Amino acid sequence: MNLTDLKYIIEIDKRGSISQTAKEIYIAQPNLSKAIKNVETEFGIQIFIAIHDFILSLQTYLIYCEI
């Protein structure tokens, strides 16, 4: 994991889509997926949850479920 991986995580969370993020920041989708995996492995947590074609940070999802 490095700072670039964390930057990608923030950008994915802002957009809610790996493919949209890849297009907007001009990077291949597999590189973003690898960044997610690197950070999740480093911290031992799940960062995102996929809901259809949209992804949410796990924290946002858990807050939504409480409502």
Protein backbone atom coordinates (compact mmCIF):
# COMPACT_ATOMS: atom_id res chain seq x y z
CA MET A 1 0.00 0.00 0.00
CA ASN A 2 1.15 3.53 -0.73
CA LEU A 3 -0.26 7.04 -0.80
CA THR A 4 -1.40 6.62 -4.41
CA ASP A 5 -3.57 3.65 -3.35
CA LEU A 6 -5.19 5.82 -0.68
CA LYS A 7 -5.76 8.62 -3.22
CA TYR A 8 -7.52 6.15 -5.49
CA ILE A 9 -9.73 4.96 -2.62
CA ILE A 10 -10.83 8.54 -1.96
CA GLU A 11 -11.55 9.15 -5.64
CA ILE A 12 -13.58 5.93 -5.91
CA ASP A 13 -15.58 6.86 -2.82
CA LYS A 14 -16.34 10.34 -4.25
CA ARG A 15 -17.73 8.87 -7.48
CA GLY A 16 -19.26 5.62 -6.24
CA SER A 17 -17.96 3.75 -9.28
CA ILE A 18 -14.66 2.13 -10.14
CA SER A 19 -15.27 2.41 -13.88
CA GLN A 20 -16.27 6.09 -13.65
CA THR A 21 -13.22 6.84 -11.54
CA ALA A 22 -10.97 5.02 -14.01
CA LYS A 23 -12.31 7.13 -16.87
CA GLU A 24 -12.08 10.43 -15.01
CA ILE A 25 -8.58 10.03 -13.60
CA TYR A 26 -7.24 8.21 -16.68
CA ILE A 27 -6.18 4.93 -15.11
CA ALA A 28 -7.04 1.32 -15.94
CA GLN A 29 -9.77 -0.32 -13.86
CA PRO A 30 -7.57 -3.24 -12.78
CA ASN A 31 -5.15 -0.78 -11.19
CA LEU A 32 -7.96 0.68 -9.08
CA SER A 33 -9.12 -2.79 -8.06
CA LYS A 34 -5.55 -3.62 -7.07
CA ALA A 35 -5.36 -0.43 -4.98
CA ILE A 36 -8.54 -1.43 -3.13
CA LYS A 37 -7.16 -4.90 -2.49
CA ASN A 38 -3.83 -3.49 -1.27
CA VAL A 39 -5.48 -1.20 1.27
CA GLU A 40 -7.97 -3.84 2.41
CA THR A 41 -5.15 -6.35 2.90
CA GLU A 42 -2.95 -3.85 4.73
CA PHE A 43 -5.69 -2.92 7.22
CA GLY A 44 -7.57 -6.22 7.26
CA ILE A 45 -10.92 -4.56 6.51
CA GLN A 46 -13.47 -4.35 3.72
CA ILE A 47 -13.64 -0.81 2.38
CA PHE A 48 -16.44 -0.96 -0.19
CA ILE A 49 -19.63 -2.90 -0.73
CA ALA A 50 -21.09 -3.31 -4.21
CA ILE A 51 -24.79 -2.67 -4.75
CA HIS A 52 -25.71 -3.32 -8.36
CA ASP A 53 -23.46 -1.02 -10.43
CA PHE A 54 -22.72 1.31 -7.55
CA ILE A 55 -20.25 0.93 -4.72
CA LEU A 56 -20.49 2.48 -1.28
CA SER A 57 -17.91 2.74 1.41
CA LEU A 58 -18.78 0.13 4.00
CA GLN A 59 -19.22 2.86 6.61
CA THR A 60 -21.80 4.67 4.44
CA TYR A 61 -23.63 1.39 3.85
CA LEU A 62 -23.81 0.60 7.56
CA ILE A 63 -25.15 4.08 8.34
CA TYR A 64 -27.77 3.64 5.60
CA CYS A 65 -28.85 0.29 7.08
CA GLU A 66 -29.42 1.87 10.48
CA ILE A 67 -31.91 4.41 9.09
